[in-house]
Amino acid sequence: MASLMKKIISTAKAPAALGPYSQAVLVDRTMYIAGQIGIEPSTGQLVSGGAKEEAKQALKNMGEILKAAGCDYGNVFKTNFPARAAYQVAALPKGARVEIEAIAIQGPLQDASA
């Protein structure tokens, strides 16, 4: 069985992980991006303005993580707003209202012909 490559993806342009995990992990060409909340990286504080502004900042942070792996939003094929963000199974860090996680594929993507 061939082994797969695993690489931790990290950038100072997005907030550091608030727990014992990485901003993203790349396994072969699949990148798993940890849930991002609306933290401004330069201050480490949650942005003001409610859920809409938090979502914008979370997506901006995700974009920086994608860039660190040589990707962009076009490489993302799945996003998720975890259930705890919608139903509060557990509170989000720093009192955040929004958390967004994603899975992306590194490298060029081409649609298959039917």
PDB file of N, CA and C in Angstrom:
ATOM      1  N   MET A   1       0.846  -1.175   0.000  1.00  0.00           N
ATOM      2  CA  MET A   1       0.000   0.000   0.000  1.00  0.00           C
ATOM      3  C   MET A   1       0.895   1.243   0.000  1.00  0.00           C
ATOM      4  N   ALA A   2       0.635   2.155  -0.893  1.00  0.00           N
ATOM      5  CA  ALA A   2       1.416   3.393  -0.983  1.00  0.00           C
ATOM      6  C   ALA A   2       1.082   4.310   0.188  1.00  0.00           C
ATOM      7  N   SER A   3       2.092   4.995   0.693  1.00  0.00           N
ATOM      8  CA  SER A   3       1.847   5.921   1.799  1.00  0.00           C
ATOM      9  C   SER A   3       1.390   7.272   1.261  1.00  0.00           C
ATOM     10  N   LEU A   4       0.649   7.992   2.061  1.00  0.00           N
ATOM     11  CA  LEU A   4       0.152   9.316   1.704  1.00  0.00           C
ATOM     12  C   LEU A   4       0.960  10.379   2.415  1.00  0.00           C
ATOM     13  N   MET A   5       1.078  11.544   1.786  1.00  0.00           N
ATOM     14  CA  MET A   5       1.767  12.665   2.388  1.00  0.00           C
ATOM     15  C   MET A   5       0.813  13.411   3.307  1.00  0.00           C
ATOM     16  N   LYS A   6       1.306  13.802   4.487  1.00  0.00           N
ATOM     17  CA  LYS A   6       0.535  14.626   5.423  1.00  0.00           C
ATOM     18  C   LYS A   6       1.369  15.857   5.741  1.00  0.00           C
ATOM     19  N   LYS A   7       0.770  17.046   5.589  1.00  0.00           N
ATOM     20  CA  LYS A   7       1.492  18.286   5.841  1.00  0.00           C
ATOM     21  C   LYS A   7       0.585  19.237   6.611  1.00  0.00           C
ATOM     22  N   ILE A   8       1.122  19.877   7.639  1.00  0.00           N
ATOM     23  CA  ILE A   8       0.383  20.885   8.393  1.00  0.00           C
ATOM     24  C   ILE A   8       0.481  22.207   7.635  1.00  0.00           C
ATOM     25  N   ILE A   9      -0.652  22.861   7.419  1.00  0.00           N
ATOM     26  CA  ILE A   9      -0.704  24.158   6.740  1.00  0.00           C
ATOM     27  C   ILE A   9      -0.912  25.230   7.810  1.00  0.00           C
ATOM     28  N   SER A  10      -0.065  26.254   7.768  1.00  0.00           N
ATOM     29  CA  SER A  10      -0.146  27.311   8.761  1.00  0.00           C
ATOM     30  C   SER A  10       0.269  28.639   8.143  1.00  0.00           C
ATOM     31  N   THR A  11      -0.394  29.715   8.543  1.00  0.00           N
ATOM     32  CA  THR A  11      -0.036  31.049   8.093  1.00  0.00           C
ATOM     33  C   THR A  11      -0.289  32.051   9.217  1.00  0.00           C
ATOM     34  N   ALA A  12       0.573  33.044   9.300  1.00  0.00           N
ATOM     35  CA  ALA A  12       0.383  34.125  10.277  1.00  0.00           C
ATOM     36  C   ALA A  12      -0.693  35.104   9.820  1.00  0.00           C
ATOM     37  N   LYS A  13      -1.160  34.978   8.565  1.00  0.00           N
ATOM     38  CA  LYS A  13      -2.178  35.877   8.032  1.00  0.00           C
ATOM     39  C   LYS A  13      -3.595  35.463   8.427  1.00  0.00           C
ATOM     40  N   ALA A  14      -3.703  34.359   9.156  1.00  0.00           N
ATOM     41  CA  ALA A  14      -4.983  33.912   9.714  1.00  0.00           C
ATOM     42  C   ALA A  14      -4.738  33.653  11.195  1.00  0.00           C
ATOM     43  N   PRO A  15      -5.787  33.715  12.021  1.00  0.00           N
ATOM     44  CA  PRO A  15      -5.590  33.514  13.456  1.00  0.00           C
ATOM     45  C   PRO A  15      -5.009  32.134  13.763  1.00  0.00           C
ATOM     46  N   ALA A  16      -4.153  32.081  14.759  1.00  0.00           N
ATOM     47  CA  ALA A  16      -3.634  30.796  15.223  1.00  0.00           C
ATOM     48  C   ALA A  16      -4.788  29.976  15.780  1.00  0.00           C
ATOM     49  N   ALA A  17      -4.658  28.674  15.717  1.00  0.00           N
ATOM     50  CA  ALA A  17      -5.682  27.790  16.259  1.00  0.00           C
ATOM     51  C   ALA A  17      -5.855  28.055  17.754  1.00  0.00           C
ATOM     52  N   LEU A  18      -7.103  28.063  18.215  1.00  0.00           N
ATOM     53  CA  LEU A  18      -7.396  28.335  19.623  1.00  0.00           C
ATOM     54  C   LEU A  18      -7.384  27.070  20.473  1.00  0.00           C
ATOM     55  N   GLY A  19      -7.172  25.949  19.853  1.00  0.00           N
ATOM     56  CA  GLY A  19      -7.142  24.678  20.571  1.00  0.00           C
ATOM     57  C   GLY A  19      -5.966  23.849  20.095  1.00  0.00           C
ATOM     58  N   PRO A  20      -5.953  22.591  20.466  1.00  0.00           N
ATOM     59  CA  PRO A  20      -4.836  21.707  20.108  1.00  0.00           C
ATOM     60  C   PRO A  20      -4.986  21.127  18.695  1.00  0.00           C
ATOM     61  N   TYR A  21      -5.111  21.993  17.718  1.00  0.00           N
ATOM     62  CA  TYR A  21      -5.259  21.552  16.335  1.00  0.00           C
ATOM     63  C   TYR A  21      -4.558  22.537  15.419  1.00  0.00           C
ATOM     64  N   SER A  22      -4.535  22.243  14.140  1.00  0.00           N
ATOM     65  CA  SER A  22      -3.874  23.069  13.138  1.00  0.00           C
ATOM     66  C   SER A  22      -4.907  23.872  12.363  1.00  0.00           C
ATOM     67  N   GLN A  23      -4.434  24.942  11.694  1.00  0.00           N
ATOM     68  CA  GLN A  23      -5.337  25.701  10.825  1.00  0.00           C
ATOM     69  C   GLN A  23      -5.856  24.802   9.715  1.00  0.00           C
ATOM     70  N   ALA A  24      -4.984  23.957   9.183  1.00  0.00           N
ATOM     71  CA  ALA A  24      -5.385  23.011   8.141  1.00  0.00           C
ATOM     72  C   ALA A  24      -4.379  21.874   8.077  1.00  0.00           C
ATOM     73  N   VAL A  25      -4.834  20.750   7.555  1.00  0.00           N
ATOM     74  CA  VAL A  25      -3.974  19.600   7.326  1.00  0.00           C
ATOM     75  C   VAL A  25      -4.183  19.158   5.886  1.00  0.00           C
ATOM     76  N   LEU A  26      -3.082  18.978   5.179  1.00  0.00           N
ATOM     77  CA  LEU A  26      -3.115  18.505   3.800  1.00  0.00           C
ATOM     78  C   LEU A  26      -2.723  17.037   3.804  1.00  0.00           C
ATOM     79  N   VAL A  27      -3.599  16.176   3.311  1.00  0.00           N
ATOM     80  CA  VAL A  27      -3.312  14.750   3.189  1.00  0.00           C
ATOM     81  C   VAL A  27      -3.382  14.432   1.709  1.00  0.00           C
ATOM     82  N   ASP A  28      -2.206  14.105   1.148  1.00  0.00           N
ATOM     83  CA  ASP A  28      -2.051  13.939  -0.290  1.00  0.00           C
ATOM     84  C   ASP A  28      -2.465  15.259  -0.946  1.00  0.00           C
ATOM     85  N   ARG A  29      -3.579  15.322  -1.657  1.00  0.00           N
ATOM     86  CA  ARG A  29      -4.027  16.588  -2.262  1.00  0.00           C
ATOM     87  C   ARG A  29      -5.297  17.122  -1.604  1.00  0.00           C
ATOM     88  N   THR A  30      -5.761  16.485  -0.543  1.00  0.00           N
ATOM     89  CA  THR A  30      -6.983  16.912   0.130  1.00  0.00           C
ATOM     90  C   THR A  30      -6.635  17.724   1.373  1.00  0.00           C
ATOM     91  N   MET A  31      -7.172  18.940   1.443  1.00  0.00           N
ATOM     92  CA  MET A  31      -6.901  19.818   2.578  1.00  0.00           C
ATOM     93  C   MET A  31      -8.158  19.945   3.432  1.00  0.00           C
ATOM     94  N   TYR A  32      -7.983  19.696   4.722  1.00  0.00           N
ATOM     95  CA  TYR A  32      -9.047  19.809   5.707  1.00  0.00           C
ATOM     96  C   TYR A  32      -8.787  21.077   6.503  1.00  0.00           C
ATOM     97  N   ILE A  33      -9.633  22.085   6.332  1.00  0.00           N
ATOM     98  CA  ILE A  33      -9.462  23.375   6.990  1.00  0.00           C
ATOM     99  C   ILE A  33     -10.317  23.390   8.252  1.00  0.00           C
ATOM    100  N   ALA A  34      -9.658  23.630   9.382  1.00  0.00           N
ATOM    101  CA  ALA A  34     -10.357  23.673  10.666  1.00  0.00           C
ATOM    102  C   ALA A  34     -11.363  24.816  10.673  1.00  0.00           C
ATOM    103  N   GLY A  35     -12.371  24.686  11.502  1.00  0.00           N
ATOM    104  CA  GLY A  35     -13.401  25.715  11.613  1.00  0.00           C
ATOM    105  C   GLY A  35     -12.803  27.082  11.890  1.00  0.00           C
ATOM    106  N   GLN A  36     -13.182  28.054  11.079  1.00  0.00           N
ATOM    107  CA  GLN A  36     -12.700  29.421  11.223  1.00  0.00           C
ATOM    108  C   GLN A  36     -13.811  30.293  11.784  1.00  0.00           C
ATOM    109  N   ILE A  37     -13.432  31.133  12.748  1.00  0.00           N
ATOM    110  CA  ILE A  37     -14.374  32.105  13.284  1.00  0.00           C
ATOM    111  C   ILE A  37     -13.886  33.498  12.910  1.00  0.00           C
ATOM    112  N   GLY A  38     -14.676  34.502  13.183  1.00  0.00           N
ATOM    113  CA  GLY A  38     -14.386  35.865  12.736  1.00  0.00           C
ATOM    114  C   GLY A  38     -13.370  36.620  13.569  1.00  0.00           C
ATOM    115  N   ILE A  39     -12.213  36.050  13.772  1.00  0.00           N
ATOM    116  CA  ILE A  39     -11.150  36.718  14.526  1.00  0.00           C
ATOM    117  C   ILE A  39     -10.272  37.513  13.565  1.00  0.00           C
ATOM    118  N   GLU A  40      -9.989  38.750  13.931  1.00  0.00           N
ATOM    119  CA  GLU A  40      -9.045  39.596  13.186  1.00  0.00           C
ATOM    120  C   GLU A  40      -7.644  39.144  13.598  1.00  0.00           C
ATOM    121  N   PRO A  41      -6.836  38.628  12.653  1.00  0.00           N
ATOM    122  CA  PRO A  41      -5.527  38.084  13.015  1.00  0.00           C
ATOM    123  C   PRO A  41      -4.587  39.078  13.711  1.00  0.00           C
ATOM    124  N   SER A  42      -4.648  40.346  13.338  1.00  0.00           N
ATOM    125  CA  SER A  42      -3.716  41.327  13.906  1.00  0.00           C
ATOM    126  C   SER A  42      -4.010  41.656  15.372  1.00  0.00           C
ATOM    127  N   THR A  43      -5.267  41.496  15.789  1.00  0.00           N
ATOM    128  CA  THR A  43      -5.631  41.820  17.169  1.00  0.00           C
ATOM    129  C   THR A  43      -5.942  40.589  18.015  1.00  0.00           C
ATOM    130  N   GLY A  44      -6.298  39.489  17.351  1.00  0.00           N
ATOM    131  CA  GLY A  44      -6.710  38.286  18.068  1.00  0.00           C
ATOM    132  C   GLY A  44      -8.105  38.398  18.660  1.00  0.00           C
ATOM    133  N   GLN A  45      -8.831  39.442  18.257  1.00  0.00           N
ATOM    134  CA  GLN A  45     -10.177  39.678  18.788  1.00  0.00           C
ATOM    135  C   GLN A  45     -11.236  39.388  17.727  1.00  0.00           C
ATOM    136  N   LEU A  46     -12.416  39.024  18.195  1.00  0.00           N
ATOM    137  CA  LEU A  46     -13.556  38.817  17.320  1.00  0.00           C
ATOM    138  C   LEU A  46     -13.964  40.157  16.718  1.00  0.00           C
ATOM    139  N   VAL A  47     -14.274  40.181  15.425  1.00  0.00           N
ATOM    140  CA  VAL A  47     -14.705  41.425  14.797  1.00  0.00           C
ATOM    141  C   VAL A  47     -16.080  41.809  15.323  1.00  0.00           C
ATOM    142  N   SER A  48     -16.371  43.089  15.316  1.00  0.00           N
ATOM    143  CA  SER A  48     -17.688  43.553  15.755  1.00  0.00           C
ATOM    144  C   SER A  48     -18.618  43.601  14.555  1.00  0.00           C
ATOM    145  N   GLY A  49     -19.895  43.702  14.813  1.00  0.00           N
ATOM    146  CA  GLY A  49     -20.868  43.824  13.731  1.00  0.00           C
ATOM    147  C   GLY A  49     -21.789  42.635  13.573  1.00  0.00           C
ATOM    148  N   GLY A  50     -21.659  41.641  14.452  1.00  0.00           N
ATOM    149  CA  GLY A  50     -22.584  40.517  14.405  1.00  0.00           C
ATOM    150  C   GLY A  50     -22.181  39.407  13.463  1.00  0.00           C
ATOM    151  N   ALA A  51     -23.132  38.511  13.223  1.00  0.00           N
ATOM    152  CA  ALA A  51     -22.881  37.285  12.458  1.00  0.00           C
ATOM    153  C   ALA A  51     -22.395  37.561  11.041  1.00  0.00           C
ATOM    154  N   LYS A  52     -22.946  38.588  10.380  1.00  0.00           N
ATOM    155  CA  LYS A  52     -22.555  38.876   9.002  1.00  0.00           C
ATOM    156  C   LYS A  52     -21.074  39.251   8.922  1.00  0.00           C
ATOM    157  N   GLU A  53     -20.615  40.137   9.791  1.00  0.00           N
ATOM    158  CA  GLU A  53     -19.208  40.550   9.779  1.00  0.00           C
ATOM    159  C   GLU A  53     -18.286  39.414  10.218  1.00  0.00           C
ATOM    160  N   GLU A  54     -18.750  38.608  11.170  1.00  0.00           N
ATOM    161  CA  GLU A  54     -17.967  37.456  11.601  1.00  0.00           C
ATOM    162  C   GLU A  54     -17.800  36.461  10.454  1.00  0.00           C
ATOM    163  N   ALA A  55     -18.877  36.228   9.700  1.00  0.00           N
ATOM    164  CA  ALA A  55     -18.798  35.306   8.565  1.00  0.00           C
ATOM    165  C   ALA A  55     -17.827  35.830   7.510  1.00  0.00           C
ATOM    166  N   LYS A  56     -17.874  37.131   7.218  1.00  0.00           N
ATOM    167  CA  LYS A  56     -16.944  37.725   6.246  1.00  0.00           C
ATOM    168  C   LYS A  56     -15.496  37.514   6.686  1.00  0.00           C
ATOM    169  N   GLN A  57     -15.222  37.756   7.988  1.00  0.00           N
ATOM    170  CA  GLN A  57     -13.851  37.605   8.485  1.00  0.00           C
ATOM    171  C   GLN A  57     -13.430  36.141   8.494  1.00  0.00           C
ATOM    172  N   ALA A  58     -14.346  35.242   8.852  1.00  0.00           N
ATOM    173  CA  ALA A  58     -14.030  33.811   8.846  1.00  0.00           C
ATOM    174  C   ALA A  58     -13.653  33.365   7.435  1.00  0.00           C
ATOM    175  N   LEU A  59     -14.377  33.846   6.428  1.00  0.00           N
ATOM    176  CA  LEU A  59     -14.063  33.494   5.044  1.00  0.00           C
ATOM    177  C   LEU A  59     -12.749  34.120   4.585  1.00  0.00           C
ATOM    178  N   LYS A  60     -12.478  35.336   5.045  1.00  0.00           N
ATOM    179  CA  LYS A  60     -11.193  35.974   4.730  1.00  0.00           C
ATOM    180  C   LYS A  60     -10.049  35.151   5.330  1.00  0.00           C
ATOM    181  N   ASN A  61     -10.209  34.731   6.578  1.00  0.00           N
ATOM    182  CA  ASN A  61      -9.197  33.891   7.223  1.00  0.00           C
ATOM    183  C   ASN A  61      -8.998  32.590   6.457  1.00  0.00           C
ATOM    184  N   MET A  62     -10.103  31.989   6.029  1.00  0.00           N
ATOM    185  CA  MET A  62     -10.026  30.754   5.258  1.00  0.00           C
ATOM    186  C   MET A  62      -9.267  30.989   3.954  1.00  0.00           C
ATOM    187  N   GLY A  63      -9.503  32.132   3.314  1.00  0.00           N
ATOM    188  CA  GLY A  63      -8.790  32.464   2.078  1.00  0.00           C
ATOM    189  C   GLY A  63      -7.288  32.528   2.280  1.00  0.00           C
ATOM    190  N   GLU A  64      -6.856  33.049   3.417  1.00  0.00           N
ATOM    191  CA  GLU A  64      -5.415  33.124   3.709  1.00  0.00           C
ATOM    192  C   GLU A  64      -4.823  31.734   3.925  1.00  0.00           C
ATOM    193  N   ILE A  65      -5.582  30.862   4.545  1.00  0.00           N
ATOM    194  CA  ILE A  65      -5.119  29.477   4.737  1.00  0.00           C
ATOM    195  C   ILE A  65      -5.031  28.779   3.380  1.00  0.00           C
ATOM    196  N   LEU A  66      -6.040  28.975   2.551  1.00  0.00           N
ATOM    197  CA  LEU A  66      -6.000  28.407   1.197  1.00  0.00           C
ATOM    198  C   LEU A  66      -4.769  28.895   0.443  1.00  0.00           C
ATOM    199  N   LYS A  67      -4.491  30.207   0.504  1.00  0.00           N
ATOM    200  CA  LYS A  67      -3.316  30.779  -0.167  1.00  0.00           C
ATOM    201  C   LYS A  67      -2.022  30.142   0.321  1.00  0.00           C
ATOM    202  N   ALA A  68      -1.945  29.886   1.627  1.00  0.00           N
ATOM    203  CA  ALA A  68      -0.734  29.289   2.202  1.00  0.00           C
ATOM    204  C   ALA A  68      -0.448  27.905   1.618  1.00  0.00           C
ATOM    205  N   ALA A  69      -1.483  27.265   1.099  1.00  0.00           N
ATOM    206  CA  ALA A  69      -1.330  25.940   0.483  1.00  0.00           C
ATOM    207  C   ALA A  69      -1.320  26.022  -1.040  1.00  0.00           C
ATOM    208  N   GLY A  70      -1.247  27.240  -1.583  1.00  0.00           N
ATOM    209  CA  GLY A  70      -1.244  27.402  -3.038  1.00  0.00           C
ATOM    210  C   GLY A  70      -2.603  27.206  -3.665  1.00  0.00           C
ATOM    211  N   CYS A  71      -3.642  27.465  -2.916  1.00  0.00           N
ATOM    212  CA  CYS A  71      -5.015  27.267  -3.396  1.00  0.00           C
ATOM    213  C   CYS A  71      -5.801  28.569  -3.320  1.00  0.00           C
ATOM    214  N   ASP A  72      -7.052  28.523  -3.776  1.00  0.00           N
ATOM    215  CA  ASP A  72      -7.988  29.621  -3.601  1.00  0.00           C
ATOM    216  C   ASP A  72      -9.376  29.027  -3.417  1.00  0.00           C
ATOM    217  N   TYR A  73     -10.391  29.885  -3.363  1.00  0.00           N
ATOM    218  CA  TYR A  73     -11.750  29.388  -3.115  1.00  0.00           C
ATOM    219  C   TYR A  73     -12.230  28.419  -4.191  1.00  0.00           C
ATOM    220  N   GLY A  74     -11.658  28.490  -5.390  1.00  0.00           N
ATOM    221  CA  GLY A  74     -12.035  27.563  -6.460  1.00  0.00           C
ATOM    222  C   GLY A  74     -11.643  26.120  -6.165  1.00  0.00           C
ATOM    223  N   ASN A  75     -10.727  25.920  -5.228  1.00  0.00           N
ATOM    224  CA  ASN A  75     -10.308  24.575  -4.850  1.00  0.00           C
ATOM    225  C   ASN A  75     -11.218  23.957  -3.790  1.00  0.00           C
ATOM    226  N   VAL A  76     -12.078  24.770  -3.182  1.00  0.00           N
ATOM    227  CA  VAL A  76     -12.975  24.283  -2.126  1.00  0.00           C
ATOM    228  C   VAL A  76     -14.126  23.526  -2.766  1.00  0.00           C
ATOM    229  N   PHE A  77     -14.369  22.311  -2.274  1.00  0.00           N
ATOM    230  CA  PHE A  77     -15.527  21.580  -2.794  1.00  0.00           C
ATOM    231  C   PHE A  77     -16.555  21.277  -1.726  1.00  0.00           C
ATOM    232  N   LYS A  78     -16.242  21.572  -0.469  1.00  0.00           N
ATOM    233  CA  LYS A  78     -17.242  21.378   0.583  1.00  0.00           C
ATOM    234  C   LYS A  78     -16.997  22.376   1.702  1.00  0.00           C
ATOM    235  N   THR A  79     -18.066  23.029   2.151  1.00  0.00           N
ATOM    236  CA  THR A  79     -18.004  23.870   3.336  1.00  0.00           C
ATOM    237  C   THR A  79     -19.059  23.382   4.305  1.00  0.00           C
ATOM    238  N   ASN A  80     -18.858  23.733   5.556  1.00  0.00           N
ATOM    239  CA  ASN A  80     -19.778  23.273   6.573  1.00  0.00           C
ATOM    240  C   ASN A  80     -19.888  24.326   7.664  1.00  0.00           C
ATOM    241  N   PHE A  81     -21.095  24.568   8.079  1.00  0.00           N
ATOM    242  CA  PHE A  81     -21.348  25.368   9.265  1.00  0.00           C
ATOM    243  C   PHE A  81     -21.716  24.346  10.329  1.00  0.00           C
ATOM    244  N   PRO A  82     -20.766  23.988  11.206  1.00  0.00           N
ATOM    245  CA  PRO A  82     -21.031  22.895  12.160  1.00  0.00           C
ATOM    246  C   PRO A  82     -22.314  23.099  12.952  1.00  0.00           C
ATOM    247  N   ALA A  83     -22.933  21.984  13.296  1.00  0.00           N
ATOM    248  CA  ALA A  83     -24.212  22.015  14.017  1.00  0.00           C
ATOM    249  C   ALA A  83     -24.108  22.801  15.316  1.00  0.00           C
ATOM    250  N   ARG A  84     -22.960  22.742  15.969  1.00  0.00           N
ATOM    251  CA  ARG A  84     -22.861  23.474  17.232  1.00  0.00           C
ATOM    252  C   ARG A  84     -23.002  24.971  17.023  1.00  0.00           C
ATOM    253  N   ALA A  85     -22.679  25.454  15.810  1.00  0.00           N
ATOM    254  CA  ALA A  85     -22.838  26.875  15.517  1.00  0.00           C
ATOM    255  C   ALA A  85     -24.321  27.215  15.365  1.00  0.00           C
ATOM    256  N   ALA A  86     -25.107  26.265  14.863  1.00  0.00           N
ATOM    257  CA  ALA A  86     -26.524  26.523  14.640  1.00  0.00           C
ATOM    258  C   ALA A  86     -27.378  26.155  15.868  1.00  0.00           C
ATOM    259  N   TYR A  87     -27.004  25.107  16.565  1.00  0.00           N
ATOM    260  CA  TYR A  87     -27.828  24.610  17.666  1.00  0.00           C
ATOM    261  C   TYR A  87     -27.150  24.718  19.023  1.00  0.00           C
ATOM    262  N   GLN A  88     -25.920  25.170  19.065  1.00  0.00           N
ATOM    263  CA  GLN A  88     -25.100  25.338  20.252  1.00  0.00           C
ATOM    264  C   GLN A  88     -25.055  24.088  21.122  1.00  0.00           C
ATOM    265  N   VAL A  89     -24.503  23.026  20.562  1.00  0.00           N
ATOM    266  CA  VAL A  89     -24.189  21.838  21.343  1.00  0.00           C
ATOM    267  C   VAL A  89     -23.092  22.208  22.329  1.00  0.00           C
ATOM    268  N   ALA A  90     -22.146  23.036  21.850  1.00  0.00           N
ATOM    269  CA  ALA A  90     -21.093  23.602  22.692  1.00  0.00           C
ATOM    270  C   ALA A  90     -20.850  25.017  22.186  1.00  0.00           C
ATOM    271  N   ALA A  91     -20.524  25.910  23.089  1.00  0.00           N
ATOM    272  CA  ALA A  91     -20.289  27.301  22.682  1.00  0.00           C
ATOM    273  C   ALA A  91     -19.030  27.406  21.837  1.00  0.00           C
ATOM    274  N   LEU A  92     -19.048  28.314  20.880  1.00  0.00           N
ATOM    275  CA  LEU A  92     -17.879  28.573  20.051  1.00  0.00           C
ATOM    276  C   LEU A  92     -16.879  29.413  20.839  1.00  0.00           C
ATOM    277  N   PRO A  93     -15.600  29.317  20.495  1.00  0.00           N
ATOM    278  CA  PRO A  93     -14.588  30.119  21.190  1.00  0.00           C
ATOM    279  C   PRO A  93     -14.870  31.617  21.078  1.00  0.00           C
ATOM    280  N   LYS A  94     -14.512  32.349  22.123  1.00  0.00           N
ATOM    281  CA  LYS A  94     -14.611  33.810  22.175  1.00  0.00           C
ATOM    282  C   LYS A  94     -16.032  34.331  21.982  1.00  0.00           C
ATOM    283  N   GLY A  95     -17.037  33.469  22.143  1.00  0.00           N
ATOM    284  CA  GLY A  95     -18.423  33.893  21.977  1.00  0.00           C
ATOM    285  C   GLY A  95     -18.826  34.112  20.530  1.00  0.00           C
ATOM    286  N   ALA A  96     -18.078  33.515  19.593  1.00  0.00           N
ATOM    287  CA  ALA A  96     -18.373  33.671  18.167  1.00  0.00           C
ATOM    288  C   ALA A  96     -19.771  33.157  17.833  1.00  0.00           C
ATOM    289  N   ARG A  97     -20.381  33.762  16.831  1.00  0.00           N
ATOM    290  CA  ARG A  97     -21.712  33.356  16.361  1.00  0.00           C
ATOM    291  C   ARG A  97     -21.633  32.441  15.147  1.00  0.00           C
ATOM    292  N   VAL A  98     -20.473  32.474  14.449  1.00  0.00           N
ATOM    293  CA  VAL A  98     -20.326  31.756  13.186  1.00  0.00           C
ATOM    294  C   VAL A  98     -19.010  30.989  13.183  1.00  0.00           C
ATOM    295  N   GLU A  99     -19.042  29.771  12.672  1.00  0.00           N
ATOM    296  CA  GLU A  99     -17.835  28.983  12.426  1.00  0.00           C
ATOM    297  C   GLU A  99     -18.008  28.299  11.081  1.00  0.00           C
ATOM    298  N   ILE A 100     -16.969  28.364  10.256  1.00  0.00           N
ATOM    299  CA  ILE A 100     -17.032  27.768   8.918  1.00  0.00           C
ATOM    300  C   ILE A 100     -15.798  26.893   8.729  1.00  0.00           C
ATOM    301  N   GLU A 101     -16.018  25.645   8.330  1.00  0.00           N
ATOM    302  CA  GLU A 101     -14.900  24.760   8.012  1.00  0.00           C
ATOM    303  C   GLU A 101     -15.028  24.326   6.561  1.00  0.00           C
ATOM    304  N   ALA A 102     -13.948  23.795   5.998  1.00  0.00           N
ATOM    305  CA  ALA A 102     -13.990  23.443   4.573  1.00  0.00           C
ATOM    306  C   ALA A 102     -13.048  22.293   4.249  1.00  0.00           C
ATOM    307  N   ILE A 103     -13.308  21.686   3.109  1.00  0.00           N
ATOM    308  CA  ILE A 103     -12.423  20.692   2.512  1.00  0.00           C
ATOM    309  C   ILE A 103     -12.117  21.183   1.100  1.00  0.00           C
ATOM    310  N   ALA A 104     -10.840  21.148   0.738  1.00  0.00           N
ATOM    311  CA  ALA A 104     -10.408  21.626  -0.581  1.00  0.00           C
ATOM    312  C   ALA A 104      -9.456  20.608  -1.199  1.00  0.00           C
ATOM    313  N   ILE A 105      -9.311  20.677  -2.499  1.00  0.00           N
ATOM    314  CA  ILE A 105      -8.358  19.845  -3.232  1.00  0.00           C
ATOM    315  C   ILE A 105      -7.247  20.747  -3.741  1.00  0.00           C
ATOM    316  N   GLN A 106      -6.000  20.379  -3.466  1.00  0.00           N
ATOM    317  CA  GLN A 106      -4.859  21.168  -3.920  1.00  0.00           C
ATOM    318  C   GLN A 106      -4.551  20.816  -5.366  1.00  0.00           C
ATOM    319  N   GLY A 107      -4.238  21.828  -6.139  1.00  0.00           N
ATOM    320  CA  GLY A 107      -3.869  21.624  -7.539  1.00  0.00           C
ATOM    321  C   GLY A 107      -5.034  21.891  -8.462  1.00  0.00           C
ATOM    322  N   PRO A 108      -4.748  21.841  -9.762  1.00  0.00           N
ATOM    323  CA  PRO A 108      -5.789  22.141 -10.742  1.00  0.00           C
ATOM    324  C   PRO A 108      -6.887  21.075 -10.742  1.00  0.00           C
ATOM    325  N   LEU A 109      -8.108  21.552 -10.909  1.00  0.00           N
ATOM    326  CA  LEU A 109      -9.261  20.652 -10.981  1.00  0.00           C
ATOM    327  C   LEU A 109      -9.868  20.743 -12.376  1.00  0.00           C
ATOM    328  N   GLN A 110     -10.309  19.631 -12.861  1.00  0.00           N
ATOM    329  CA  GLN A 110     -10.937  19.591 -14.178  1.00  0.00           C
ATOM    330  C   GLN A 110     -12.186  18.750 -14.078  1.00  0.00           C
ATOM    331  N   ASP A 111     -13.300  19.246 -14.632  1.00  0.00           N
ATOM    332  CA  ASP A 111     -14.540  18.483 -14.622  1.00  0.00           C
ATOM    333  C   ASP A 111     -14.393  17.277 -15.537  1.00  0.00           C
ATOM    334  N   ALA A 112     -14.923  16.163 -15.096  1.00  0.00           N
ATOM    335  CA  ALA A 112     -14.907  14.948 -15.906  1.00  0.00           C
ATOM    336  C   ALA A 112     -16.026  15.014 -16.940  1.00  0.00           C
ATOM    337  N   SER A 113     -15.776  14.461 -18.091  1.00  0.00           N
ATOM    338  CA  SER A 113     -16.805  14.396 -19.133  1.00  0.00           C
ATOM    339  C   SER A 113     -17.773  13.285 -18.775  1.00  0.00           C
ATOM    340  N   ALA A 114     -19.033  13.513 -19.095  1.00  0.00           N
ATOM    341  CA  ALA A 114     -20.058  12.505 -18.778  1.00  0.00           C
ATOM    342  C   ALA A 114     -19.956  11.329 -19.708  1.00  0.00           C
TER     343      ALA A 114
END
